[in-house]
Amino acid sequence: MTELTLALVLFLFPLAYSPGPGNLFFAANGARFGVAATLPAFIGYHLATWLVTLAIGLGLIGTLTTAPTLARALQWAGAAYVAWLALRFLRAGALKGTGVPRPARLHDGALLLLLNPKAYVIIVLMFTQFAPLMTDIAGATLVITTVFTLNNFVAFLIWTLAGDLLGRWFRNDRSARVLNFGFGLLLIGVALWLLTA
């Protein structure tokens, strides 16, 4: 079990810590609102991660592989959602601005995972590589699901903290617009990548 966990963490490290929809979303929210305000979306994302990963590991994967239209629809929906998030950042003002901007909520985090094709690709790849190493499929699924979720939790926390630190340097309106514009462009790039992945 320890060898499986170590191999899984090493396998997931470059995937979880490299820029992607989740990392950029949490870095941007950390920069805009701080770590504490980002926690509800953070919890929503990781709760959805655990549930979706467990479901895929226990058999949902068959549905997605036999229904390419559903998989493509998820890809387009994910790209549209990330583009919508990008537009919110492109239109945002100063980090200390009033009223309109609000931190992402629990359901925003859950939706980000549900509409993130990169997550599904990683989950499927992970199960195809590691589930066959164990004879107890249910036990292996539970271990893989939990390690995957905890690994993402740490990676996204680092990105959120980095975003929060970066955001502290951008408290006036002009520099905040530059930061938000940069995050918006990055998210647009992610949305385009999701359509071509």
N, C-alpha and C. Protein backbone atom coordinates (compact mmCIF):
# COMPACT_ATOMS: atom_id res chain seq x y z
N MET A 1 0.83 -1.21 0.00
CA MET A 1 0.00 0.00 0.00
C MET A 1 0.86 1.26 0.00
N THR A 2 1.96 1.26 0.78
CA THR A 2 2.85 2.41 0.83
C THR A 2 3.52 2.65 -0.51
N GLU A 3 3.93 1.56 -1.17
CA GLU A 3 4.56 1.69 -2.48
C GLU A 3 3.58 2.27 -3.50
N LEU A 4 2.33 1.82 -3.45
CA LEU A 4 1.30 2.35 -4.35
C LEU A 4 1.10 3.84 -4.12
N THR A 5 1.02 4.24 -2.85
CA THR A 5 0.81 5.65 -2.52
C THR A 5 1.97 6.51 -3.02
N LEU A 6 3.20 6.06 -2.78
CA LEU A 6 4.37 6.82 -3.22
C LEU A 6 4.42 6.92 -4.74
N ALA A 7 4.17 5.81 -5.42
CA ALA A 7 4.17 5.82 -6.89
C ALA A 7 3.08 6.75 -7.42
N LEU A 8 1.93 6.73 -6.78
CA LEU A 8 0.81 7.57 -7.20
C LEU A 8 1.13 9.05 -7.02
N VAL A 9 1.72 9.42 -5.89
CA VAL A 9 2.09 10.82 -5.63
C VAL A 9 3.12 11.29 -6.66
N LEU A 10 4.11 10.46 -6.94
CA LEU A 10 5.12 10.83 -7.94
C LEU A 10 4.49 10.99 -9.33
N PHE A 11 3.55 10.12 -9.66
CA PHE A 11 2.84 10.19 -10.93
C PHE A 11 2.01 11.47 -11.02
N LEU A 12 1.35 11.83 -9.92
CA LEU A 12 0.43 12.98 -9.92
C LEU A 12 1.14 14.32 -9.77
N PHE A 13 2.36 14.32 -9.25
CA PHE A 13 3.02 15.59 -8.92
C PHE A 13 3.03 16.58 -10.08
N PRO A 14 3.56 16.21 -11.27
CA PRO A 14 3.58 17.20 -12.34
C PRO A 14 2.19 17.56 -12.85
N LEU A 15 1.24 16.65 -12.71
CA LEU A 15 -0.12 16.93 -13.18
C LEU A 15 -0.85 17.88 -12.24
N ALA A 16 -0.67 17.69 -10.95
CA ALA A 16 -1.40 18.50 -9.97
C ALA A 16 -0.81 19.89 -9.78
N TYR A 17 0.50 20.02 -9.92
CA TYR A 17 1.15 21.29 -9.59
C TYR A 17 1.37 22.18 -10.82
N SER A 18 1.14 21.66 -12.01
CA SER A 18 1.28 22.48 -13.22
C SER A 18 0.02 23.32 -13.42
N PRO A 19 0.13 24.44 -14.15
CA PRO A 19 -1.04 25.29 -14.35
C PRO A 19 -2.16 24.56 -15.08
N GLY A 20 -3.34 24.71 -14.57
CA GLY A 20 -4.54 24.13 -15.17
C GLY A 20 -5.73 24.92 -14.68
N PRO A 21 -6.93 24.55 -15.09
CA PRO A 21 -8.12 25.31 -14.69
C PRO A 21 -8.26 25.47 -13.18
N GLY A 22 -8.07 24.39 -12.43
CA GLY A 22 -8.22 24.46 -10.98
C GLY A 22 -7.17 25.34 -10.33
N ASN A 23 -5.91 25.11 -10.68
CA ASN A 23 -4.82 25.89 -10.08
C ASN A 23 -4.98 27.38 -10.35
N LEU A 24 -5.26 27.73 -11.60
CA LEU A 24 -5.39 29.15 -11.95
C LEU A 24 -6.63 29.77 -11.30
N PHE A 25 -7.70 29.02 -11.23
CA PHE A 25 -8.92 29.50 -10.58
C PHE A 25 -8.63 29.85 -9.12
N PHE A 26 -7.96 28.94 -8.40
CA PHE A 26 -7.69 29.19 -6.99
C PHE A 26 -6.61 30.23 -6.77
N ALA A 27 -5.61 30.29 -7.65
CA ALA A 27 -4.61 31.35 -7.54
C ALA A 27 -5.26 32.71 -7.75
N ALA A 28 -6.13 32.80 -8.74
CA ALA A 28 -6.80 34.07 -9.02
C ALA A 28 -7.73 34.47 -7.88
N ASN A 29 -8.47 33.52 -7.34
CA ASN A 29 -9.36 33.84 -6.22
C ASN A 29 -8.57 34.17 -4.97
N GLY A 30 -7.44 33.48 -4.76
CA GLY A 30 -6.57 33.82 -3.63
C GLY A 30 -6.03 35.23 -3.75
N ALA A 31 -5.65 35.62 -4.98
CA ALA A 31 -5.13 36.97 -5.22
C ALA A 31 -6.22 38.02 -5.01
N ARG A 32 -7.41 37.70 -5.45
CA ARG A 32 -8.50 38.68 -5.41
C ARG A 32 -9.12 38.81 -4.03
N PHE A 33 -9.31 37.68 -3.32
CA PHE A 33 -10.09 37.70 -2.09
C PHE A 33 -9.36 37.16 -0.86
N GLY A 34 -8.19 36.54 -1.05
CA GLY A 34 -7.47 35.96 0.07
C GLY A 34 -7.83 34.50 0.28
N VAL A 35 -7.03 33.84 1.09
CA VAL A 35 -7.19 32.40 1.31
C VAL A 35 -8.50 32.08 2.03
N ALA A 36 -8.80 32.80 3.09
CA ALA A 36 -9.99 32.49 3.90
C ALA A 36 -11.27 32.57 3.07
N ALA A 37 -11.39 33.59 2.24
CA ALA A 37 -12.60 33.76 1.44
C ALA A 37 -12.71 32.72 0.33
N THR A 38 -11.58 32.11 -0.03
CA THR A 38 -11.56 31.11 -1.10
C THR A 38 -11.89 29.71 -0.58
N LEU A 39 -11.87 29.52 0.75
CA LEU A 39 -12.07 28.19 1.33
C LEU A 39 -13.38 27.51 0.93
N PRO A 40 -14.54 28.20 0.88
CA PRO A 40 -15.76 27.48 0.46
C PRO A 40 -15.64 26.83 -0.92
N ALA A 41 -15.11 27.56 -1.90
CA ALA A 41 -14.93 26.99 -3.24
C ALA A 41 -13.90 25.87 -3.19
N PHE A 42 -12.89 26.04 -2.37
CA PHE A 42 -11.84 25.03 -2.20
C PHE A 42 -12.44 23.72 -1.69
N ILE A 43 -13.31 23.82 -0.69
CA ILE A 43 -13.97 22.64 -0.13
C ILE A 43 -14.90 22.02 -1.17
N GLY A 44 -15.65 22.86 -1.89
CA GLY A 44 -16.54 22.35 -2.93
C GLY A 44 -15.80 21.58 -4.00
N TYR A 45 -14.66 22.11 -4.42
CA TYR A 45 -13.88 21.46 -5.46
C TYR A 45 -13.38 20.09 -5.00
N HIS A 46 -12.84 20.03 -3.80
CA HIS A 46 -12.24 18.78 -3.34
C HIS A 46 -13.27 17.75 -2.90
N LEU A 47 -14.41 18.20 -2.42
CA LEU A 47 -15.50 17.25 -2.14
C LEU A 47 -15.98 16.63 -3.46
N ALA A 48 -16.16 17.46 -4.48
CA ALA A 48 -16.56 16.96 -5.80
C ALA A 48 -15.47 16.06 -6.38
N THR A 49 -14.20 16.42 -6.17
CA THR A 49 -13.10 15.60 -6.66
C THR A 49 -13.18 14.19 -6.07
N TRP A 50 -13.37 14.11 -4.77
CA TRP A 50 -13.41 12.81 -4.11
C TRP A 50 -14.59 11.98 -4.62
N LEU A 51 -15.77 12.60 -4.71
CA LEU A 51 -16.97 11.87 -5.14
C LEU A 51 -16.88 11.43 -6.60
N VAL A 52 -16.43 12.32 -7.47
CA VAL A 52 -16.33 11.99 -8.90
C VAL A 52 -15.26 10.92 -9.13
N THR A 53 -14.13 11.06 -8.45
CA THR A 53 -13.05 10.09 -8.61
C THR A 53 -13.49 8.71 -8.13
N LEU A 54 -14.18 8.67 -7.01
CA LEU A 54 -14.68 7.39 -6.50
C LEU A 54 -15.68 6.78 -7.48
N ALA A 55 -16.59 7.60 -8.00
CA ALA A 55 -17.60 7.10 -8.95
C ALA A 55 -16.93 6.56 -10.22
N ILE A 56 -15.95 7.29 -10.73
CA ILE A 56 -15.25 6.83 -11.94
C ILE A 56 -14.51 5.53 -11.64
N GLY A 57 -13.84 5.48 -10.51
CA GLY A 57 -13.11 4.27 -10.14
C GLY A 57 -14.01 3.06 -9.96
N LEU A 58 -15.24 3.29 -9.54
CA LEU A 58 -16.17 2.19 -9.32
C LEU A 58 -17.02 1.85 -10.54
N GLY A 59 -16.80 2.53 -11.67
CA GLY A 59 -17.49 2.10 -12.87
C GLY A 59 -18.07 3.15 -13.79
N LEU A 60 -18.12 4.38 -13.34
CA LEU A 60 -18.69 5.42 -14.20
C LEU A 60 -17.85 5.63 -15.46
N ILE A 61 -16.58 5.25 -15.39
CA ILE A 61 -15.69 5.43 -16.52
C ILE A 61 -16.23 4.75 -17.78
N GLY A 62 -16.91 3.63 -17.61
CA GLY A 62 -17.50 2.92 -18.75
C GLY A 62 -18.51 3.77 -19.49
N THR A 63 -19.28 4.55 -18.75
CA THR A 63 -20.29 5.41 -19.37
C THR A 63 -19.65 6.46 -20.25
N LEU A 64 -18.59 7.09 -19.76
CA LEU A 64 -17.94 8.14 -20.54
C LEU A 64 -17.23 7.60 -21.77
N THR A 65 -16.65 6.40 -21.65
CA THR A 65 -15.94 5.86 -22.80
C THR A 65 -16.89 5.36 -23.89
N THR A 66 -18.11 4.98 -23.50
CA THR A 66 -19.07 4.51 -24.51
C THR A 66 -19.98 5.63 -25.00
N ALA A 67 -19.84 6.81 -24.44
CA ALA A 67 -20.68 7.94 -24.86
C ALA A 67 -19.79 9.13 -25.21
N PRO A 68 -19.15 9.10 -26.39
CA PRO A 68 -18.25 10.19 -26.76
C PRO A 68 -18.96 11.54 -26.86
N THR A 69 -20.24 11.53 -27.17
CA THR A 69 -21.00 12.79 -27.24
C THR A 69 -21.07 13.44 -25.87
N LEU A 70 -21.28 12.63 -24.83
CA LEU A 70 -21.32 13.16 -23.47
C LEU A 70 -19.96 13.71 -23.07
N ALA A 71 -18.91 12.99 -23.42
CA ALA A 71 -17.56 13.45 -23.10
C ALA A 71 -17.27 14.77 -23.80
N ARG A 72 -17.67 14.90 -25.07
CA ARG A 72 -17.45 16.14 -25.83
C ARG A 72 -18.28 17.28 -25.24
N ALA A 73 -19.51 16.98 -24.83
CA ALA A 73 -20.36 18.01 -24.23
C ALA A 73 -19.74 18.53 -22.94
N LEU A 74 -19.17 17.63 -22.13
CA LEU A 74 -18.47 18.06 -20.91
C LEU A 74 -17.28 18.94 -21.25
N GLN A 75 -16.58 18.60 -22.32
CA GLN A 75 -15.42 19.40 -22.74
C GLN A 75 -15.84 20.82 -23.10
N TRP A 76 -16.92 20.94 -23.89
CA TRP A 76 -17.40 22.27 -24.28
C TRP A 76 -17.95 23.04 -23.08
N ALA A 77 -18.69 22.35 -22.22
CA ALA A 77 -19.23 23.02 -21.03
C ALA A 77 -18.10 23.51 -20.13
N GLY A 78 -17.07 22.69 -19.97
CA GLY A 78 -15.92 23.10 -19.16
C GLY A 78 -15.21 24.31 -19.73
N ALA A 79 -15.02 24.31 -21.05
CA ALA A 79 -14.36 25.45 -21.70
C ALA A 79 -15.20 26.72 -21.54
N ALA A 80 -16.51 26.58 -21.69
CA ALA A 80 -17.40 27.75 -21.54
C ALA A 80 -17.36 28.29 -20.11
N TYR A 81 -17.34 27.40 -19.13
CA TYR A 81 -17.31 27.84 -17.74
C TYR A 81 -16.01 28.55 -17.42
N VAL A 82 -14.89 28.00 -17.87
CA VAL A 82 -13.59 28.64 -17.63
C VAL A 82 -13.52 30.00 -18.34
N ALA A 83 -14.08 30.08 -19.56
CA ALA A 83 -14.12 31.37 -20.28
C ALA A 83 -14.96 32.39 -19.51
N TRP A 84 -16.07 31.94 -18.94
CA TRP A 84 -16.92 32.83 -18.13
C TRP A 84 -16.13 33.34 -16.92
N LEU A 85 -15.38 32.44 -16.26
CA LEU A 85 -14.54 32.87 -15.14
C LEU A 85 -13.50 33.89 -15.60
N ALA A 86 -12.93 33.66 -16.79
CA ALA A 86 -11.94 34.59 -17.33
C ALA A 86 -12.54 35.97 -17.54
N LEU A 87 -13.75 36.03 -18.07
CA LEU A 87 -14.41 37.32 -18.29
C LEU A 87 -14.65 38.05 -16.98
N ARG A 88 -14.96 37.31 -15.93
CA ARG A 88 -15.13 37.94 -14.62
C ARG A 88 -13.84 38.61 -14.17
N PHE A 89 -12.71 37.96 -14.42
CA PHE A 89 -11.43 38.57 -14.03
C PHE A 89 -11.07 39.74 -14.93
N LEU A 90 -11.36 39.64 -16.21
CA LEU A 90 -11.03 40.73 -17.13
C LEU A 90 -11.81 42.00 -16.78
N ARG A 91 -13.00 41.84 -16.21
CA ARG A 91 -13.83 42.99 -15.88
C ARG A 91 -13.64 43.49 -14.46
N ALA A 92 -12.83 42.79 -13.67
CA ALA A 92 -12.67 43.14 -12.26
C ALA A 92 -11.78 44.36 -12.09
N GLY A 93 -12.01 45.09 -11.02
CA GLY A 93 -11.23 46.29 -10.73
C GLY A 93 -10.22 46.03 -9.62
N ALA A 94 -10.12 46.96 -8.71
CA ALA A 94 -9.14 46.87 -7.62
C ALA A 94 -9.48 45.74 -6.69
N LEU A 95 -8.45 45.19 -6.05
CA LEU A 95 -8.65 44.08 -5.14
C LEU A 95 -9.42 44.50 -3.90
N LYS A 96 -9.39 45.77 -3.56
CA LYS A 96 -10.13 46.24 -2.40
C LYS A 96 -11.46 46.85 -2.82
N GLY A 97 -11.87 46.62 -4.04
CA GLY A 97 -13.08 47.22 -4.59
C GLY A 97 -14.32 46.88 -3.78
N THR A 98 -15.39 47.62 -4.04
CA THR A 98 -16.61 47.47 -3.27
C THR A 98 -17.63 46.62 -4.00
N GLY A 99 -18.50 46.06 -3.23
CA GLY A 99 -19.75 45.49 -3.69
C GLY A 99 -19.74 44.35 -4.67
N VAL A 100 -19.60 44.61 -5.94
CA VAL A 100 -19.93 43.64 -6.99
C VAL A 100 -19.10 42.36 -6.92
N PRO A 101 -17.77 42.41 -6.88
CA PRO A 101 -17.03 41.15 -6.87
C PRO A 101 -17.32 40.36 -5.59
N ARG A 102 -17.40 39.05 -5.74
CA ARG A 102 -17.60 38.19 -4.59
C ARG A 102 -16.70 36.97 -4.74
N PRO A 103 -16.26 36.43 -3.63
CA PRO A 103 -15.44 35.22 -3.73
C PRO A 103 -16.26 34.06 -4.28
N ALA A 104 -15.58 33.11 -4.88
CA ALA A 104 -16.25 31.91 -5.37
C ALA A 104 -16.83 31.15 -4.17
N ARG A 105 -17.96 30.48 -4.41
CA ARG A 105 -18.63 29.74 -3.34
C ARG A 105 -18.43 28.24 -3.50
N LEU A 106 -19.00 27.50 -2.57
CA LEU A 106 -18.88 26.04 -2.56
C LEU A 106 -19.31 25.45 -3.91
N HIS A 107 -20.45 25.89 -4.42
CA HIS A 107 -20.93 25.32 -5.69
C HIS A 107 -20.06 25.72 -6.88
N ASP A 108 -19.39 26.88 -6.80
CA ASP A 108 -18.47 27.28 -7.88
C ASP A 108 -17.30 26.30 -7.95
N GLY A 109 -16.76 25.93 -6.80
CA GLY A 109 -15.67 24.97 -6.76
C GLY A 109 -16.09 23.61 -7.29
N ALA A 110 -17.28 23.16 -6.88
CA ALA A 110 -17.79 21.87 -7.35
C ALA A 110 -18.01 21.88 -8.86
N LEU A 111 -18.58 22.97 -9.37
CA LEU A 111 -18.81 23.09 -10.82
C LEU A 111 -17.51 23.08 -11.59
N LEU A 112 -16.50 23.74 -11.03
CA LEU A 112 -15.21 23.77 -11.71
C LEU A 112 -14.66 22.36 -11.91
N LEU A 113 -14.80 21.52 -10.89
CA LEU A 113 -14.34 20.14 -11.05
C LEU A 113 -15.23 19.37 -12.02
N LEU A 114 -16.54 19.51 -11.88
CA LEU A 114 -17.46 18.74 -12.72
C LEU A 114 -17.33 19.08 -14.20
N LEU A 115 -16.93 20.31 -14.51
CA LEU A 115 -16.81 20.74 -15.90
C LEU A 115 -15.36 20.82 -16.37
N ASN A 116 -14.47 20.13 -15.69
CA ASN A 116 -13.05 20.19 -16.00
C ASN A 116 -12.59 18.90 -16.69
N PRO A 117 -12.50 18.89 -18.01
CA PRO A 117 -12.08 17.68 -18.72
C PRO A 117 -10.68 17.21 -18.34
N LYS A 118 -9.79 18.14 -17.99
CA LYS A 118 -8.43 17.75 -17.59
C LYS A 118 -8.50 16.82 -16.38
N ALA A 119 -9.41 17.11 -15.45
CA ALA A 119 -9.55 16.27 -14.26
C ALA A 119 -9.97 14.86 -14.66
N TYR A 120 -10.92 14.76 -15.58
CA TYR A 120 -11.40 13.43 -16.01
C TYR A 120 -10.29 12.64 -16.70
N VAL A 121 -9.52 13.33 -17.52
CA VAL A 121 -8.41 12.65 -18.22
C VAL A 121 -7.41 12.12 -17.20
N ILE A 122 -7.06 12.94 -16.22
CA ILE A 122 -6.10 12.52 -15.20
C ILE A 122 -6.67 11.36 -14.38
N ILE A 123 -7.94 11.44 -14.02
CA ILE A 123 -8.56 10.37 -13.21
C ILE A 123 -8.56 9.05 -13.98
N VAL A 124 -8.96 9.10 -15.24
CA VAL A 124 -8.99 7.88 -16.05
C VAL A 124 -7.58 7.31 -16.21
N LEU A 125 -6.63 8.17 -16.51
CA LEU A 125 -5.25 7.74 -16.67
C LEU A 125 -4.72 7.12 -15.39
N MET A 126 -5.03 7.75 -14.28
CA MET A 126 -4.59 7.28 -12.98
C MET A 126 -5.12 5.88 -12.69
N PHE A 127 -6.41 5.66 -12.93
CA PHE A 127 -6.99 4.35 -12.66
C PHE A 127 -6.45 3.27 -13.62
N THR A 128 -6.24 3.64 -14.86
CA THR A 128 -5.71 2.64 -15.79
C THR A 128 -4.29 2.23 -15.42
N GLN A 129 -3.54 3.12 -14.78
CA GLN A 129 -2.17 2.81 -14.42
C GLN A 129 -2.04 2.09 -13.08
N PHE A 130 -2.89 2.44 -12.10
CA PHE A 130 -2.66 1.98 -10.74
C PHE A 130 -3.66 0.96 -10.20
N ALA A 131 -4.89 0.98 -10.66
CA ALA A 131 -5.87 0.01 -10.16
C ALA A 131 -5.46 -1.43 -10.44
N PRO A 132 -4.86 -1.74 -11.61
CA PRO A 132 -4.48 -3.14 -11.86
C PRO A 132 -3.41 -3.67 -10.91
N LEU A 133 -2.72 -2.79 -10.18
CA LEU A 133 -1.67 -3.24 -9.27
C LEU A 133 -2.21 -3.86 -8.00
N MET A 134 -3.52 -3.72 -7.78
CA MET A 134 -4.10 -4.26 -6.56
C MET A 134 -5.22 -5.24 -6.89
N THR A 135 -5.34 -6.26 -6.06
CA THR A 135 -6.39 -7.26 -6.30
C THR A 135 -7.73 -6.81 -5.75
N ASP A 136 -7.72 -6.00 -4.72
CA ASP A 136 -8.96 -5.49 -4.12
C ASP A 136 -9.35 -4.19 -4.81
N ILE A 137 -10.24 -4.28 -5.80
CA ILE A 137 -10.61 -3.11 -6.61
C ILE A 137 -11.25 -2.02 -5.76
N ALA A 138 -12.18 -2.39 -4.87
CA ALA A 138 -12.84 -1.38 -4.03
C ALA A 138 -11.81 -0.69 -3.12
N GLY A 139 -10.91 -1.48 -2.51
CA GLY A 139 -9.88 -0.90 -1.65
C GLY A 139 -8.92 -0.01 -2.42
N ALA A 140 -8.51 -0.49 -3.61
CA ALA A 140 -7.61 0.30 -4.45
C ALA A 140 -8.28 1.60 -4.88
N THR A 141 -9.55 1.52 -5.23
CA THR A 141 -10.29 2.72 -5.64
C THR A 141 -10.34 3.74 -4.51
N LEU A 142 -10.59 3.27 -3.31
CA LEU A 142 -10.66 4.17 -2.16
C LEU A 142 -9.31 4.82 -1.88
N VAL A 143 -8.23 4.03 -1.94
CA VAL A 143 -6.88 4.58 -1.70
C VAL A 143 -6.52 5.58 -2.79
N ILE A 144 -6.72 5.20 -4.05
CA ILE A 144 -6.37 6.08 -5.17
C ILE A 144 -7.18 7.37 -5.11
N THR A 145 -8.47 7.26 -4.83
CA THR A 145 -9.34 8.43 -4.74
C THR A 145 -8.87 9.38 -3.65
N THR A 146 -8.55 8.84 -2.49
CA THR A 146 -8.16 9.68 -1.35
C THR A 146 -6.79 10.32 -1.58
N VAL A 147 -5.84 9.56 -2.09
CA VAL A 147 -4.50 10.12 -2.36
C VAL A 147 -4.60 11.21 -3.43
N PHE A 148 -5.37 10.96 -4.48
CA PHE A 148 -5.56 11.94 -5.54
C PHE A 148 -6.15 13.24 -4.99
N THR A 149 -7.19 13.11 -4.17
CA THR A 149 -7.85 14.30 -3.61
C THR A 149 -6.92 15.07 -2.68
N LEU A 150 -6.20 14.36 -1.81
CA LEU A 150 -5.28 15.04 -0.89
C LEU A 150 -4.12 15.70 -1.63
N ASN A 151 -3.62 15.04 -2.67
CA ASN A 151 -2.54 15.62 -3.47
C ASN A 151 -3.02 16.92 -4.13
N ASN A 152 -4.23 16.90 -4.71
CA ASN A 152 -4.79 18.12 -5.30
C ASN A 152 -5.01 19.19 -4.25
N PHE A 153 -5.45 18.77 -3.07
CA PHE A 153 -5.69 19.71 -1.97
C PHE A 153 -4.41 20.50 -1.67
N VAL A 154 -3.30 19.79 -1.53
CA VAL A 154 -2.01 20.45 -1.23
C VAL A 154 -1.59 21.35 -2.39
N ALA A 155 -1.69 20.84 -3.63
CA ALA A 155 -1.29 21.63 -4.80
C ALA A 155 -2.11 22.91 -4.90
N PHE A 156 -3.42 22.80 -4.75
CA PHE A 156 -4.28 23.96 -4.90
C PHE A 156 -4.11 24.93 -3.74
N LEU A 157 -3.81 24.40 -2.55
CA LEU A 157 -3.55 25.29 -1.42
C LEU A 157 -2.30 26.12 -1.69
N ILE A 158 -1.27 25.50 -2.25
CA ILE A 158 -0.04 26.24 -2.59
C ILE A 158 -0.35 27.33 -3.61
N TRP A 159 -1.13 26.99 -4.65
CA TRP A 159 -1.50 27.99 -5.66
C TRP A 159 -2.35 29.11 -5.06
N THR A 160 -3.25 28.76 -4.14
CA THR A 160 -4.09 29.78 -3.49
C THR A 160 -3.24 30.70 -2.63
N LEU A 161 -2.32 30.13 -1.86
CA LEU A 161 -1.42 30.95 -1.03
C LEU A 161 -0.54 31.86 -1.89
N ALA A 162 -0.03 31.30 -3.00
CA ALA A 162 0.79 32.11 -3.91
C ALA A 162 -0.03 33.26 -4.50
N GLY A 163 -1.27 32.95 -4.88
CA GLY A 163 -2.15 34.00 -5.40
C GLY A 163 -2.42 35.07 -4.36
N ASP A 164 -2.64 34.65 -3.11
CA ASP A 164 -2.88 35.60 -2.02
C ASP A 164 -1.67 36.50 -1.82
N LEU A 165 -0.47 35.92 -1.81
CA LEU A 165 0.75 36.73 -1.66
C LEU A 165 0.91 37.70 -2.82
N LEU A 166 0.67 37.22 -4.02
CA LEU A 166 0.76 38.08 -5.20
C LEU A 166 -0.27 39.21 -5.12
N GLY A 167 -1.47 38.85 -4.69
CA GLY A 167 -2.54 39.84 -4.60
C GLY A 167 -2.25 40.96 -3.62
N ARG A 168 -1.47 40.68 -2.60
CA ARG A 168 -1.14 41.72 -1.61
C ARG A 168 -0.33 42.85 -2.25
N TRP A 169 0.36 42.55 -3.33
CA TRP A 169 1.15 43.57 -4.02
C TRP A 169 0.30 44.39 -4.98
N PHE A 170 -0.93 43.99 -5.18
CA PHE A 170 -1.78 44.63 -6.18
C PHE A 170 -3.07 45.16 -5.55
N ARG A 171 -2.93 46.05 -4.59
CA ARG A 171 -4.10 46.57 -3.89
C ARG A 171 -4.66 47.86 -4.49
N ASN A 172 -3.90 48.53 -5.35
CA ASN A 172 -4.47 49.73 -5.96
C ASN A 172 -5.15 49.36 -7.29
N ASP A 173 -5.99 50.26 -7.77
CA ASP A 173 -6.84 49.94 -8.91
C ASP A 173 -6.05 49.61 -10.17
N ARG A 174 -5.02 50.39 -10.47
CA ARG A 174 -4.27 50.17 -11.72
C ARG A 174 -3.55 48.83 -11.71
N SER A 175 -2.81 48.53 -10.64
CA SER A 175 -2.08 47.27 -10.59
C SER A 175 -3.03 46.08 -10.48
N ALA A 176 -4.18 46.28 -9.80
CA ALA A 176 -5.17 45.20 -9.70
C ALA A 176 -5.73 44.86 -11.07
N ARG A 177 -5.97 45.87 -11.90
CA ARG A 177 -6.49 45.60 -13.24
C ARG A 177 -5.47 44.82 -14.07
N VAL A 178 -4.18 45.14 -13.90
CA VAL A 178 -3.13 44.39 -14.60
C VAL A 178 -3.15 42.93 -14.16
N LEU A 179 -3.21 42.70 -12.84
CA LEU A 179 -3.23 41.34 -12.31
C LEU A 179 -4.47 40.58 -12.80
N ASN A 180 -5.64 41.19 -12.69
CA ASN A 180 -6.88 40.55 -13.11
C ASN A 180 -6.87 40.27 -14.61
N PHE A 181 -6.34 41.20 -15.39
CA PHE A 181 -6.25 41.01 -16.84
C PHE A 181 -5.34 39.82 -17.15
N GLY A 182 -4.22 39.74 -16.43
CA GLY A 182 -3.29 38.62 -16.62
C GLY A 182 -3.95 37.28 -16.30
N PHE A 183 -4.64 37.22 -15.16
CA PHE A 183 -5.35 35.98 -14.81
C PHE A 183 -6.46 35.68 -15.82
N GLY A 184 -7.15 36.72 -16.27
CA GLY A 184 -8.20 36.52 -17.27
C GLY A 184 -7.65 35.93 -18.56
N LEU A 185 -6.52 36.47 -19.02
CA LEU A 185 -5.90 35.92 -20.24
C LEU A 185 -5.44 34.48 -20.05
N LEU A 186 -4.88 34.19 -18.88
CA LEU A 186 -4.47 32.81 -18.60
C LEU A 186 -5.67 31.86 -18.64
N LEU A 187 -6.79 32.29 -18.06
CA LEU A 187 -7.98 31.43 -18.05
C LEU A 187 -8.56 31.27 -19.45
N ILE A 188 -8.48 32.31 -20.28
CA ILE A 188 -8.93 32.18 -21.68
C ILE A 188 -8.05 31.15 -22.39
N GLY A 189 -6.75 31.20 -22.14
CA GLY A 189 -5.85 30.20 -22.71
C GLY A 189 -6.21 28.80 -22.26
N VAL A 190 -6.57 28.65 -20.98
CA VAL A 190 -7.00 27.35 -20.47
C VAL A 190 -8.29 26.89 -21.16
N ALA A 191 -9.23 27.81 -21.34
CA ALA A 191 -10.49 27.47 -22.01
C ALA A 191 -10.24 26.97 -23.44
N LEU A 192 -9.34 27.65 -24.15
CA LEU A 192 -9.00 27.22 -25.50
C LEU A 192 -8.31 25.87 -25.50
N TRP A 193 -7.43 25.65 -24.50
CA TRP A 193 -6.75 24.37 -24.39
C TRP A 193 -7.75 23.25 -24.13
N LEU A 194 -8.77 23.54 -23.29
CA LEU A 194 -9.78 22.52 -22.99
C LEU A 194 -10.52 22.09 -24.27
N LEU A 195 -10.73 23.01 -25.19
CA LEU A 195 -11.43 22.68 -26.43
C LEU A 195 -10.58 21.85 -27.38
N THR A 196 -9.27 21.95 -27.24
CA THR A 196 -8.40 21.23 -28.17
C THR A 196 -7.78 19.98 -27.54
N ALA A 197 -7.97 19.80 -26.22
CA ALA A 197 -7.37 18.65 -25.53
C ALA A 197 -8.05 17.35 -25.90
